[in-house]
N, C-alpha and C. Protein backbone atom coordinates (compact mmCIF):
# COMPACT_ATOMS: atom_id res chain seq x y z
N MET A 1 -52.19 32.71 -100.05
CA MET A 1 -53.34 31.84 -100.28
C MET A 1 -53.45 30.86 -99.11
N SER A 2 -54.65 30.63 -98.60
CA SER A 2 -54.83 29.76 -97.44
C SER A 2 -54.64 28.31 -97.84
N LYS A 3 -54.40 27.47 -96.83
CA LYS A 3 -54.24 26.04 -97.07
C LYS A 3 -55.52 25.44 -97.63
N GLY A 4 -56.67 25.91 -97.14
CA GLY A 4 -57.94 25.38 -97.63
C GLY A 4 -58.12 25.66 -99.11
N THR A 5 -57.77 26.88 -99.55
CA THR A 5 -57.87 27.22 -100.96
C THR A 5 -56.92 26.37 -101.79
N ASN A 6 -55.70 26.15 -101.29
CA ASN A 6 -54.75 25.29 -101.99
C ASN A 6 -55.32 23.89 -102.18
N PHE A 7 -55.95 23.37 -101.13
CA PHE A 7 -56.49 22.02 -101.18
C PHE A 7 -57.56 21.89 -102.25
N TRP A 8 -58.56 22.77 -102.21
CA TRP A 8 -59.70 22.62 -103.11
C TRP A 8 -59.40 23.04 -104.54
N SER A 9 -58.38 23.86 -104.75
CA SER A 9 -58.04 24.28 -106.11
C SER A 9 -57.00 23.38 -106.75
N SER A 10 -56.39 22.48 -105.97
CA SER A 10 -55.34 21.61 -106.50
C SER A 10 -55.95 20.48 -107.33
N THR A 11 -55.35 20.22 -108.49
CA THR A 11 -55.82 19.12 -109.34
C THR A 11 -55.21 17.79 -108.93
N THR A 12 -54.26 17.82 -108.01
CA THR A 12 -53.62 16.58 -107.58
C THR A 12 -54.27 15.99 -106.34
N VAL A 13 -55.20 16.71 -105.74
CA VAL A 13 -55.88 16.24 -104.53
C VAL A 13 -57.28 15.75 -104.89
N ASP A 14 -57.58 14.52 -104.52
CA ASP A 14 -58.89 13.93 -104.82
C ASP A 14 -59.50 13.43 -103.52
N PRO A 15 -60.56 14.07 -103.02
CA PRO A 15 -61.16 13.61 -101.76
C PRO A 15 -61.72 12.19 -101.89
N LYS A 16 -61.80 11.49 -100.77
CA LYS A 16 -62.45 10.18 -100.77
C LYS A 16 -63.93 10.36 -101.09
N ARG A 17 -64.46 9.48 -101.91
CA ARG A 17 -65.84 9.59 -102.34
C ARG A 17 -66.69 8.50 -101.71
N SER A 18 -67.96 8.83 -101.44
CA SER A 18 -68.85 7.89 -100.76
C SER A 18 -69.30 6.74 -101.66
N PHE A 19 -69.06 6.84 -102.98
CA PHE A 19 -69.48 5.77 -103.88
C PHE A 19 -68.32 4.88 -104.34
N ARG A 20 -67.10 5.23 -103.96
CA ARG A 20 -65.94 4.44 -104.37
C ARG A 20 -65.54 3.48 -103.25
N TRP A 21 -66.14 2.32 -103.23
CA TRP A 21 -65.86 1.36 -102.16
C TRP A 21 -66.38 -0.01 -102.56
N VAL A 22 -65.87 -1.01 -101.88
CA VAL A 22 -66.44 -2.36 -101.94
C VAL A 22 -66.39 -2.94 -100.53
N LEU A 23 -67.40 -3.72 -100.21
CA LEU A 23 -67.43 -4.47 -98.96
C LEU A 23 -67.20 -5.93 -99.30
N ILE A 24 -66.13 -6.50 -98.75
CA ILE A 24 -65.79 -7.88 -99.04
C ILE A 24 -66.36 -8.77 -97.94
N LEU A 25 -67.30 -9.62 -98.33
CA LEU A 25 -67.87 -10.64 -97.45
C LEU A 25 -67.68 -11.99 -98.13
N ASP A 26 -67.19 -12.96 -97.40
CA ASP A 26 -66.82 -14.24 -98.02
C ASP A 26 -67.97 -14.88 -98.78
N GLN A 27 -69.18 -14.81 -98.24
CA GLN A 27 -70.31 -15.55 -98.81
C GLN A 27 -71.24 -14.69 -99.66
N ILE A 28 -71.03 -13.37 -99.71
CA ILE A 28 -71.94 -12.46 -100.39
C ILE A 28 -71.22 -11.78 -101.55
N PRO A 29 -71.75 -11.87 -102.79
CA PRO A 29 -71.11 -11.16 -103.90
C PRO A 29 -71.09 -9.65 -103.66
N THR A 30 -70.00 -8.99 -103.99
CA THR A 30 -69.87 -7.56 -103.71
C THR A 30 -70.91 -6.74 -104.46
N TYR A 31 -71.36 -7.19 -105.63
CA TYR A 31 -72.25 -6.36 -106.44
C TYR A 31 -73.69 -6.34 -105.92
N VAL A 32 -74.04 -7.19 -104.95
CA VAL A 32 -75.40 -7.11 -104.38
C VAL A 32 -75.42 -6.24 -103.12
N ILE A 33 -74.26 -5.75 -102.69
CA ILE A 33 -74.19 -4.90 -101.50
C ILE A 33 -74.47 -3.46 -101.92
N ARG A 34 -75.51 -2.90 -101.33
CA ARG A 34 -75.99 -1.58 -101.76
C ARG A 34 -75.39 -0.45 -100.94
N SER A 35 -75.26 -0.64 -99.64
CA SER A 35 -74.71 0.41 -98.79
C SER A 35 -74.15 -0.22 -97.52
N THR A 36 -73.25 0.51 -96.89
CA THR A 36 -72.69 0.07 -95.61
C THR A 36 -72.24 1.28 -94.81
N ALA A 37 -72.29 1.17 -93.52
CA ALA A 37 -71.66 2.16 -92.65
C ALA A 37 -70.20 1.78 -92.48
N LYS A 38 -69.37 2.77 -92.21
CA LYS A 38 -67.98 2.50 -91.86
C LYS A 38 -67.90 2.33 -90.34
N PRO A 39 -66.81 1.75 -89.84
CA PRO A 39 -66.70 1.55 -88.40
C PRO A 39 -66.77 2.86 -87.62
N SER A 40 -67.26 2.76 -86.41
CA SER A 40 -67.28 3.90 -85.49
C SER A 40 -67.09 3.34 -84.08
N PHE A 41 -66.65 4.21 -83.17
CA PHE A 41 -66.43 3.75 -81.80
C PHE A 41 -66.96 4.77 -80.81
N THR A 42 -67.21 4.29 -79.61
CA THR A 42 -67.65 5.13 -78.49
C THR A 42 -66.76 4.84 -77.29
N ILE A 43 -66.22 5.88 -76.68
CA ILE A 43 -65.44 5.73 -75.46
C ILE A 43 -66.31 6.17 -74.29
N ASN A 44 -66.57 5.25 -73.39
CA ASN A 44 -67.42 5.57 -72.24
C ASN A 44 -66.76 6.61 -71.35
N ASN A 45 -67.60 7.46 -70.77
CA ASN A 45 -67.11 8.49 -69.85
C ASN A 45 -67.31 8.03 -68.41
N ILE A 46 -66.25 8.16 -67.61
CA ILE A 46 -66.32 7.88 -66.17
C ILE A 46 -66.25 9.22 -65.45
N ALA A 47 -67.34 9.60 -64.81
CA ALA A 47 -67.41 10.90 -64.14
C ALA A 47 -67.12 10.75 -62.64
N HIS A 48 -66.37 11.70 -62.11
CA HIS A 48 -66.08 11.74 -60.67
C HIS A 48 -66.53 13.10 -60.13
N GLN A 49 -67.39 13.06 -59.12
CA GLN A 49 -67.89 14.31 -58.53
C GLN A 49 -67.07 14.67 -57.30
N TYR A 50 -66.71 15.94 -57.22
CA TYR A 50 -65.99 16.44 -56.05
C TYR A 50 -66.56 17.82 -55.72
N ILE A 51 -67.20 17.92 -54.57
CA ILE A 51 -67.88 19.13 -54.12
C ILE A 51 -68.87 19.56 -55.22
N GLY A 52 -68.64 20.72 -55.85
CA GLY A 52 -69.58 21.17 -56.87
C GLY A 52 -69.08 20.96 -58.29
N TYR A 53 -68.14 20.05 -58.48
CA TYR A 53 -67.52 19.89 -59.79
C TYR A 53 -67.60 18.44 -60.26
N SER A 54 -67.54 18.29 -61.56
CA SER A 54 -67.46 16.95 -62.17
C SER A 54 -66.19 16.87 -63.00
N PHE A 55 -65.45 15.78 -62.83
CA PHE A 55 -64.23 15.53 -63.60
C PHE A 55 -64.44 14.24 -64.40
N ASN A 56 -64.07 14.30 -65.66
CA ASN A 56 -64.38 13.20 -66.57
C ASN A 56 -63.12 12.47 -67.02
N TYR A 57 -63.24 11.15 -67.11
CA TYR A 57 -62.12 10.30 -67.49
C TYR A 57 -62.57 9.30 -68.56
N PRO A 58 -61.71 9.02 -69.53
CA PRO A 58 -62.08 8.02 -70.54
C PRO A 58 -62.11 6.62 -69.94
N GLY A 59 -63.14 5.88 -70.31
CA GLY A 59 -63.28 4.50 -69.83
C GLY A 59 -63.05 3.50 -70.95
N ARG A 60 -63.96 2.53 -71.05
CA ARG A 60 -63.82 1.48 -72.06
C ARG A 60 -64.25 1.98 -73.44
N ILE A 61 -63.64 1.40 -74.46
CA ILE A 61 -64.03 1.69 -75.84
C ILE A 61 -64.95 0.58 -76.33
N THR A 62 -65.98 0.96 -77.08
CA THR A 62 -66.88 0.02 -77.72
C THR A 62 -66.93 0.33 -79.21
N TRP A 63 -66.66 -0.67 -80.03
CA TRP A 63 -66.81 -0.50 -81.48
C TRP A 63 -68.28 -0.73 -81.81
N ASN A 64 -68.89 0.25 -82.45
CA ASN A 64 -70.33 0.22 -82.70
C ASN A 64 -70.68 -0.69 -83.88
N ASN A 65 -71.90 -1.23 -83.83
CA ASN A 65 -72.38 -2.10 -84.89
C ASN A 65 -72.38 -1.40 -86.24
N ILE A 66 -72.30 -2.19 -87.29
CA ILE A 66 -72.36 -1.70 -88.67
C ILE A 66 -73.61 -2.27 -89.34
N GLU A 67 -74.33 -1.41 -90.04
CA GLU A 67 -75.51 -1.85 -90.78
C GLU A 67 -75.19 -1.91 -92.26
N VAL A 68 -75.50 -3.04 -92.88
CA VAL A 68 -75.23 -3.28 -94.30
C VAL A 68 -76.55 -3.56 -95.00
N THR A 69 -76.75 -2.95 -96.17
CA THR A 69 -77.95 -3.18 -96.97
C THR A 69 -77.59 -3.93 -98.24
N LEU A 70 -78.30 -5.03 -98.49
CA LEU A 70 -78.10 -5.84 -99.68
C LEU A 70 -79.33 -5.78 -100.56
N VAL A 71 -79.12 -5.81 -101.88
CA VAL A 71 -80.21 -6.05 -102.80
C VAL A 71 -80.42 -7.57 -102.85
N ASP A 72 -81.69 -8.00 -102.89
CA ASP A 72 -81.99 -9.43 -102.85
C ASP A 72 -82.43 -9.92 -104.23
N PRO A 73 -81.50 -10.34 -105.08
CA PRO A 73 -81.88 -10.84 -106.40
C PRO A 73 -82.39 -12.29 -106.31
N VAL A 74 -83.01 -12.74 -107.40
CA VAL A 74 -83.43 -14.13 -107.46
C VAL A 74 -82.21 -15.04 -107.54
N PHE A 75 -81.23 -14.61 -108.33
CA PHE A 75 -79.98 -15.35 -108.42
C PHE A 75 -78.82 -14.36 -108.54
N PRO A 76 -77.81 -14.43 -107.68
CA PRO A 76 -77.73 -15.34 -106.53
C PRO A 76 -78.68 -14.90 -105.42
N ASP A 77 -79.31 -15.84 -104.78
CA ASP A 77 -80.32 -15.59 -103.76
C ASP A 77 -79.65 -15.11 -102.47
N ALA A 78 -79.69 -13.79 -102.23
CA ALA A 78 -79.02 -13.24 -101.04
C ALA A 78 -79.68 -13.73 -99.76
N SER A 79 -81.00 -13.89 -99.77
CA SER A 79 -81.69 -14.41 -98.58
C SER A 79 -81.18 -15.79 -98.22
N ALA A 80 -81.00 -16.64 -99.23
CA ALA A 80 -80.49 -17.99 -98.98
C ALA A 80 -79.09 -17.94 -98.40
N LYS A 81 -78.26 -17.01 -98.89
CA LYS A 81 -76.90 -16.88 -98.36
C LYS A 81 -76.92 -16.55 -96.87
N ILE A 82 -77.81 -15.61 -96.49
CA ILE A 82 -77.88 -15.21 -95.08
C ILE A 82 -78.39 -16.35 -94.22
N VAL A 83 -79.41 -17.07 -94.70
CA VAL A 83 -79.95 -18.20 -93.93
C VAL A 83 -78.91 -19.29 -93.76
N LYS A 84 -78.10 -19.53 -94.78
CA LYS A 84 -77.04 -20.53 -94.67
C LYS A 84 -75.98 -20.11 -93.65
N ILE A 85 -75.67 -18.80 -93.62
CA ILE A 85 -74.74 -18.30 -92.61
C ILE A 85 -75.33 -18.51 -91.21
N LEU A 86 -76.64 -18.26 -91.09
CA LEU A 86 -77.32 -18.48 -89.81
C LEU A 86 -77.20 -19.93 -89.37
N GLN A 87 -77.44 -20.85 -90.30
CA GLN A 87 -77.32 -22.28 -89.97
C GLN A 87 -75.90 -22.65 -89.60
N ALA A 88 -74.94 -22.17 -90.38
CA ALA A 88 -73.54 -22.48 -90.10
C ALA A 88 -73.08 -21.89 -88.78
N SER A 89 -73.77 -20.84 -88.32
CA SER A 89 -73.44 -20.23 -87.02
C SER A 89 -73.90 -21.09 -85.85
N GLY A 90 -74.78 -22.08 -86.14
CA GLY A 90 -75.22 -22.98 -85.09
C GLY A 90 -76.72 -23.01 -84.85
N TYR A 91 -77.49 -22.36 -85.72
CA TYR A 91 -78.93 -22.31 -85.48
C TYR A 91 -79.63 -23.55 -86.03
N ALA A 92 -80.52 -24.11 -85.22
CA ALA A 92 -81.36 -25.23 -85.63
C ALA A 92 -82.79 -24.94 -85.20
N ILE A 93 -83.76 -25.22 -86.08
CA ILE A 93 -85.17 -25.07 -85.72
C ILE A 93 -85.49 -26.10 -84.65
N PRO A 94 -86.07 -25.68 -83.52
CA PRO A 94 -86.26 -26.60 -82.39
C PRO A 94 -87.46 -27.53 -82.58
N GLY A 95 -87.42 -28.32 -83.65
CA GLY A 95 -88.53 -29.23 -83.91
C GLY A 95 -88.48 -30.50 -83.09
N THR A 96 -87.30 -30.84 -82.60
CA THR A 96 -87.14 -32.02 -81.74
C THR A 96 -86.33 -31.63 -80.51
N GLU A 97 -86.33 -32.51 -79.52
CA GLU A 97 -85.56 -32.23 -78.30
C GLU A 97 -84.08 -32.14 -78.61
N GLN A 98 -83.60 -33.00 -79.51
CA GLN A 98 -82.19 -32.96 -79.87
C GLN A 98 -81.84 -31.65 -80.57
N ALA A 99 -82.70 -31.21 -81.52
CA ALA A 99 -82.45 -29.96 -82.23
C ALA A 99 -82.50 -28.76 -81.28
N ALA A 100 -83.38 -28.83 -80.29
CA ALA A 100 -83.53 -27.72 -79.35
C ALA A 100 -82.30 -27.55 -78.46
N SER A 101 -81.47 -28.58 -78.38
CA SER A 101 -80.26 -28.50 -77.54
C SER A 101 -79.09 -27.87 -78.28
N ILE A 102 -79.25 -27.63 -79.59
CA ILE A 102 -78.18 -27.02 -80.39
C ILE A 102 -78.23 -25.50 -80.21
N SER A 103 -77.07 -24.86 -80.07
CA SER A 103 -77.04 -23.41 -79.88
C SER A 103 -75.82 -22.81 -80.56
N PHE A 104 -75.76 -21.48 -80.52
CA PHE A 104 -74.68 -20.75 -81.17
C PHE A 104 -73.38 -20.84 -80.37
N SER A 105 -72.27 -20.70 -81.07
CA SER A 105 -70.99 -20.42 -80.44
C SER A 105 -70.36 -19.27 -81.20
N LYS A 106 -69.55 -18.48 -80.52
CA LYS A 106 -68.92 -17.35 -81.19
C LYS A 106 -68.00 -17.82 -82.31
N SER A 107 -67.26 -18.88 -82.07
CA SER A 107 -66.32 -19.35 -83.09
C SER A 107 -67.05 -19.78 -84.36
N ASP A 108 -68.19 -20.45 -84.21
CA ASP A 108 -68.96 -20.87 -85.38
C ASP A 108 -69.56 -19.68 -86.11
N ALA A 109 -70.10 -18.70 -85.35
CA ALA A 109 -70.72 -17.52 -85.96
C ALA A 109 -69.69 -16.69 -86.71
N VAL A 110 -68.50 -16.55 -86.15
CA VAL A 110 -67.43 -15.78 -86.80
C VAL A 110 -66.94 -16.51 -88.05
N ALA A 111 -66.76 -17.83 -87.94
CA ALA A 111 -66.28 -18.61 -89.07
C ALA A 111 -67.29 -18.61 -90.21
N ALA A 112 -68.58 -18.64 -89.89
CA ALA A 112 -69.62 -18.67 -90.92
C ALA A 112 -69.65 -17.38 -91.74
N LEU A 113 -69.43 -16.24 -91.08
CA LEU A 113 -69.46 -14.96 -91.78
C LEU A 113 -68.17 -14.67 -92.51
N GLY A 114 -67.04 -15.11 -91.95
CA GLY A 114 -65.74 -14.75 -92.52
C GLY A 114 -65.24 -13.45 -91.92
N VAL A 115 -64.29 -12.82 -92.58
CA VAL A 115 -63.69 -11.58 -92.09
C VAL A 115 -64.10 -10.43 -93.02
N PRO A 116 -65.10 -9.63 -92.64
CA PRO A 116 -65.52 -8.53 -93.50
C PRO A 116 -64.44 -7.45 -93.60
N ALA A 117 -64.36 -6.83 -94.77
CA ALA A 117 -63.42 -5.73 -94.98
C ALA A 117 -64.06 -4.71 -95.91
N ILE A 118 -63.92 -3.43 -95.56
CA ILE A 118 -64.44 -2.34 -96.37
C ILE A 118 -63.25 -1.64 -97.01
N ALA A 119 -63.21 -1.64 -98.33
CA ALA A 119 -62.10 -1.03 -99.06
C ALA A 119 -62.58 0.25 -99.74
N GLN A 120 -61.91 1.35 -99.42
CA GLN A 120 -62.18 2.63 -100.09
C GLN A 120 -61.26 2.69 -101.31
N LEU A 121 -61.81 3.12 -102.46
CA LEU A 121 -61.07 3.10 -103.71
C LEU A 121 -60.80 4.50 -104.22
N ASP A 122 -59.76 4.62 -105.07
CA ASP A 122 -59.53 5.88 -105.76
C ASP A 122 -60.15 5.81 -107.15
N ALA A 123 -59.92 6.82 -107.98
CA ALA A 123 -60.54 6.88 -109.29
C ALA A 123 -60.09 5.76 -110.21
N SER A 124 -58.94 5.16 -109.91
CA SER A 124 -58.42 4.05 -110.73
C SER A 124 -58.84 2.69 -110.20
N GLY A 125 -59.63 2.68 -109.12
CA GLY A 125 -60.08 1.42 -108.54
C GLY A 125 -59.08 0.79 -107.59
N ARG A 126 -58.04 1.54 -107.22
CA ARG A 126 -57.04 1.01 -106.29
C ARG A 126 -57.43 1.31 -104.85
N GLN A 127 -57.10 0.40 -103.95
CA GLN A 127 -57.43 0.58 -102.54
C GLN A 127 -56.56 1.68 -101.93
N ILE A 128 -57.20 2.66 -101.30
CA ILE A 128 -56.48 3.72 -100.59
C ILE A 128 -56.76 3.67 -99.09
N GLU A 129 -57.73 2.85 -98.72
CA GLU A 129 -58.09 2.71 -97.31
C GLU A 129 -58.77 1.37 -97.14
N ARG A 130 -58.56 0.73 -95.99
CA ARG A 130 -59.18 -0.57 -95.74
C ARG A 130 -59.48 -0.72 -94.26
N TRP A 131 -60.73 -1.04 -93.95
CA TRP A 131 -61.16 -1.36 -92.60
C TRP A 131 -61.46 -2.87 -92.55
N THR A 132 -60.85 -3.57 -91.61
CA THR A 132 -61.10 -4.99 -91.42
C THR A 132 -61.78 -5.18 -90.07
N LEU A 133 -62.90 -5.91 -90.07
CA LEU A 133 -63.69 -6.14 -88.86
C LEU A 133 -63.35 -7.51 -88.29
N TRP A 134 -62.81 -7.52 -87.09
CA TRP A 134 -62.36 -8.78 -86.50
C TRP A 134 -63.41 -9.37 -85.56
N ASN A 135 -63.54 -10.70 -85.64
CA ASN A 135 -64.51 -11.47 -84.84
C ASN A 135 -65.93 -10.97 -85.09
N ALA A 136 -66.26 -10.76 -86.35
CA ALA A 136 -67.58 -10.24 -86.71
C ALA A 136 -68.60 -11.37 -86.85
N TRP A 137 -69.83 -11.08 -86.50
CA TRP A 137 -70.92 -12.03 -86.68
C TRP A 137 -72.23 -11.26 -86.88
N ILE A 138 -73.23 -11.93 -87.43
CA ILE A 138 -74.51 -11.29 -87.72
C ILE A 138 -75.34 -11.22 -86.45
N GLU A 139 -75.62 -10.00 -86.02
CA GLU A 139 -76.45 -9.82 -84.82
C GLU A 139 -77.93 -9.68 -85.16
N GLN A 140 -78.22 -9.09 -86.31
CA GLN A 140 -79.61 -8.88 -86.70
C GLN A 140 -79.73 -8.90 -88.21
N CYS A 141 -80.88 -9.38 -88.69
CA CYS A 141 -81.16 -9.37 -90.12
C CYS A 141 -82.64 -9.09 -90.33
N ARG A 142 -82.94 -8.18 -91.26
CA ARG A 142 -84.32 -7.90 -91.67
C ARG A 142 -84.41 -8.16 -93.17
N PHE A 143 -85.32 -9.05 -93.55
CA PHE A 143 -85.42 -9.49 -94.93
C PHE A 143 -86.31 -8.59 -95.79
N GLY A 144 -86.56 -7.37 -95.35
CA GLY A 144 -87.29 -6.41 -96.17
C GLY A 144 -88.78 -6.44 -95.89
N ALA A 145 -89.48 -5.52 -96.52
CA ALA A 145 -90.94 -5.39 -96.36
C ALA A 145 -91.58 -5.43 -97.73
N LEU A 146 -92.75 -6.09 -97.82
CA LEU A 146 -93.48 -6.23 -99.08
C LEU A 146 -94.63 -5.22 -99.12
N ASN A 147 -94.87 -4.66 -100.31
CA ASN A 147 -95.89 -3.63 -100.44
C ASN A 147 -96.41 -3.63 -101.88
N TYR A 148 -97.73 -3.81 -102.04
CA TYR A 148 -98.32 -3.85 -103.38
C TYR A 148 -98.21 -2.52 -104.12
N THR A 149 -98.03 -1.43 -103.37
CA THR A 149 -98.03 -0.10 -104.01
C THR A 149 -96.66 0.35 -104.47
N GLU A 150 -95.63 -0.46 -104.27
CA GLU A 150 -94.28 -0.08 -104.65
C GLU A 150 -93.68 -1.08 -105.62
N ASP A 151 -92.77 -0.60 -106.47
CA ASP A 151 -92.07 -1.50 -107.39
C ASP A 151 -90.56 -1.44 -107.17
N ALA A 152 -90.15 -0.99 -105.99
CA ALA A 152 -88.73 -0.89 -105.66
C ALA A 152 -88.11 -2.26 -105.48
N MET A 153 -86.78 -2.32 -105.61
CA MET A 153 -86.07 -3.56 -105.35
C MET A 153 -86.16 -3.93 -103.88
N LEU A 154 -86.20 -5.21 -103.60
CA LEU A 154 -86.29 -5.68 -102.23
C LEU A 154 -84.90 -5.69 -101.60
N ASN A 155 -84.79 -5.14 -100.42
CA ASN A 155 -83.51 -5.04 -99.73
C ASN A 155 -83.48 -5.92 -98.48
N ILE A 156 -82.30 -6.36 -98.14
CA ILE A 156 -82.04 -7.07 -96.88
C ILE A 156 -81.12 -6.18 -96.05
N THR A 157 -81.44 -6.01 -94.78
CA THR A 157 -80.61 -5.19 -93.89
C THR A 157 -79.97 -6.09 -92.84
N VAL A 158 -78.66 -6.07 -92.79
CA VAL A 158 -77.90 -6.93 -91.89
C VAL A 158 -77.09 -6.06 -90.93
N THR A 159 -77.15 -6.38 -89.65
CA THR A 159 -76.36 -5.68 -88.64
C THR A 159 -75.21 -6.58 -88.20
N LEU A 160 -73.99 -6.06 -88.29
CA LEU A 160 -72.80 -6.81 -87.91
C LEU A 160 -72.25 -6.28 -86.59
N ARG A 161 -71.96 -7.20 -85.70
CA ARG A 161 -71.25 -6.87 -84.46
C ARG A 161 -69.84 -7.44 -84.56
N TYR A 162 -68.87 -6.71 -84.01
CA TYR A 162 -67.47 -7.13 -84.12
C TYR A 162 -66.74 -6.65 -82.88
N ASP A 163 -65.56 -7.20 -82.64
CA ASP A 163 -64.79 -6.85 -81.44
C ASP A 163 -63.95 -5.59 -81.63
N TRP A 164 -63.29 -5.50 -82.78
CA TRP A 164 -62.51 -4.30 -83.07
C TRP A 164 -62.28 -4.20 -84.58
N ALA A 165 -61.84 -3.02 -85.02
CA ALA A 165 -61.56 -2.78 -86.44
C ALA A 165 -60.09 -2.46 -86.63
N GLN A 166 -59.53 -2.99 -87.69
CA GLN A 166 -58.15 -2.69 -88.07
C GLN A 166 -58.17 -1.70 -89.21
N TYR A 167 -57.29 -0.70 -89.16
CA TYR A 167 -57.29 0.36 -90.17
C TYR A 167 -55.99 0.38 -90.96
N GLU A 168 -56.13 0.45 -92.28
CA GLU A 168 -55.01 0.67 -93.18
C GLU A 168 -55.33 1.90 -94.03
N GLY A 169 -54.39 2.82 -94.13
CA GLY A 169 -54.64 4.04 -94.88
C GLY A 169 -53.39 4.88 -95.02
N GLU A 170 -53.58 6.18 -95.19
CA GLU A 170 -52.49 7.15 -95.35
C GLU A 170 -51.52 6.75 -96.45
N PRO A 171 -52.01 6.68 -97.71
CA PRO A 171 -51.11 6.36 -98.82
C PRO A 171 -49.98 7.39 -98.91
N LYS A 172 -48.85 6.95 -99.45
CA LYS A 172 -47.68 7.83 -99.55
C LYS A 172 -47.93 8.98 -100.52
N SER A 173 -48.60 8.69 -101.64
CA SER A 173 -48.89 9.72 -102.63
C SER A 173 -49.95 9.19 -103.59
N SER A 174 -50.46 10.05 -104.48
CA SER A 174 -51.44 9.61 -105.47
C SER A 174 -50.83 8.61 -106.44
N LYS A 175 -49.50 8.66 -106.64
CA LYS A 175 -48.82 7.71 -107.51
C LYS A 175 -48.53 6.39 -106.81
N ASN A 176 -48.51 6.42 -105.49
CA ASN A 176 -48.28 5.22 -104.69
C ASN A 176 -49.38 5.11 -103.64
N PRO A 177 -50.59 4.66 -104.06
CA PRO A 177 -51.75 4.73 -103.16
C PRO A 177 -51.89 3.56 -102.20
N THR A 178 -50.92 2.65 -102.17
CA THR A 178 -51.05 1.49 -101.29
C THR A 178 -51.15 1.93 -99.83
N PRO A 179 -52.22 1.55 -99.12
CA PRO A 179 -52.36 1.98 -97.73
C PRO A 179 -51.42 1.23 -96.79
N ASP A 180 -50.95 1.93 -95.77
CA ASP A 180 -50.12 1.33 -94.74
C ASP A 180 -50.99 0.90 -93.56
N LEU A 181 -50.51 -0.11 -92.82
CA LEU A 181 -51.21 -0.53 -91.60
C LEU A 181 -50.98 0.51 -90.52
N ILE A 182 -52.03 1.23 -90.16
CA ILE A 182 -51.94 2.29 -89.15
C ILE A 182 -52.27 1.75 -87.77
N MET A 183 -53.34 0.95 -87.70
CA MET A 183 -53.79 0.42 -86.42
C MET A 183 -54.17 -1.04 -86.61
N GLY A 184 -53.32 -1.93 -86.12
CA GLY A 184 -53.56 -3.36 -86.29
C GLY A 184 -53.26 -4.12 -85.02
N ASN A 185 -53.47 -5.42 -85.10
CA ASN A 185 -53.30 -6.29 -83.94
C ASN A 185 -51.88 -6.83 -83.91
N GLY A 186 -50.91 -5.92 -83.85
CA GLY A 186 -49.51 -6.31 -83.86
C GLY A 186 -49.04 -6.86 -82.52
N PRO A 187 -47.84 -7.43 -82.49
CA PRO A 187 -47.35 -8.05 -81.26
C PRO A 187 -46.94 -7.04 -80.20
N ASP A 188 -46.55 -5.83 -80.58
CA ASP A 188 -46.06 -4.85 -79.61
C ASP A 188 -46.94 -3.61 -79.67
N GLN A 189 -48.08 -3.66 -79.01
CA GLN A 189 -49.02 -2.56 -79.01
C GLN A 189 -48.49 -1.35 -78.25
N LEU A 190 -47.73 -1.60 -77.18
CA LEU A 190 -47.19 -0.49 -76.39
C LEU A 190 -46.23 0.34 -77.23
N GLN A 191 -45.40 -0.31 -78.03
CA GLN A 191 -44.49 0.42 -78.90
C GLN A 191 -45.26 1.26 -79.91
N ALA A 192 -46.33 0.68 -80.47
CA ALA A 192 -47.16 1.42 -81.44
C ALA A 192 -47.78 2.65 -80.79
N ILE A 193 -48.25 2.49 -79.55
CA ILE A 193 -48.84 3.63 -78.83
C ILE A 193 -47.81 4.72 -78.61
N GLN A 194 -46.60 4.32 -78.21
CA GLN A 194 -45.55 5.31 -77.97
C GLN A 194 -45.16 6.04 -79.26
N GLU A 195 -45.13 5.31 -80.37
CA GLU A 195 -44.81 5.94 -81.65
C GLU A 195 -45.88 6.95 -82.04
N ARG A 196 -47.15 6.60 -81.80
CA ARG A 196 -48.24 7.53 -82.12
C ARG A 196 -48.17 8.76 -81.24
N ARG A 197 -47.85 8.58 -79.95
CA ARG A 197 -47.74 9.72 -79.04
C ARG A 197 -46.65 10.67 -79.50
N ALA A 198 -45.52 10.10 -79.94
CA ALA A 198 -44.43 10.94 -80.43
C ALA A 198 -44.86 11.66 -81.70
N GLU A 199 -45.56 10.97 -82.58
CA GLU A 199 -46.00 11.57 -83.84
C GLU A 199 -46.99 12.71 -83.60
N MET A 200 -47.87 12.53 -82.60
CA MET A 200 -48.88 13.53 -82.30
C MET A 200 -48.34 14.64 -81.39
N GLY A 201 -47.07 14.52 -80.98
CA GLY A 201 -46.50 15.50 -80.07
C GLY A 201 -47.09 15.44 -78.69
N ALA A 202 -47.53 14.24 -78.28
CA ALA A 202 -48.22 14.09 -77.00
C ALA A 202 -47.37 13.38 -75.96
N GLN A 203 -46.06 13.38 -76.14
CA GLN A 203 -45.19 12.72 -75.17
C GLN A 203 -45.22 13.53 -73.85
N PRO A 204 -45.30 12.82 -72.70
CA PRO A 204 -45.30 13.54 -71.41
C PRO A 204 -43.94 14.18 -71.13
């Protein structure tokens, strides 16, 4: 029997599901969050041309923005929460010369949002995976569109920019689903890289 058949026929294996998750935001209740993307990254390609050939090398990594959709209830007012985060980030309406001199700082924008984390859950509601977004701040917000011909709930779309993501996962077993820190901001990154190379069989 193939490994694939063993996997899908086994009653002890439960794939991660797209509906079993929570997004933790300090200022936003989890139950008004409708959808979110998980972290993704892009590694830039550095091409070198030699005669009739191109040789490619990995360059810088960029962690891509995440888009989050919120339902906007009357209470708690999600729009008000976002506007307060905007103000706490350093925004002032330029009604006076003094107000016009106020501007954003990264530290204020990051502190206003808090530290977002996306937790993937199992059937029992236990965390089996966790993505933490470091130095995150709101880059864009759309407060929805109004239309007399629709009766749908009003949504807010928020785009988060962040410097990097920390990953916890690979539970030991279904009976012990606590995720381990796989990729974090530890003190000895070189040692972690060497351990991963050995694990992947990629030692030179």
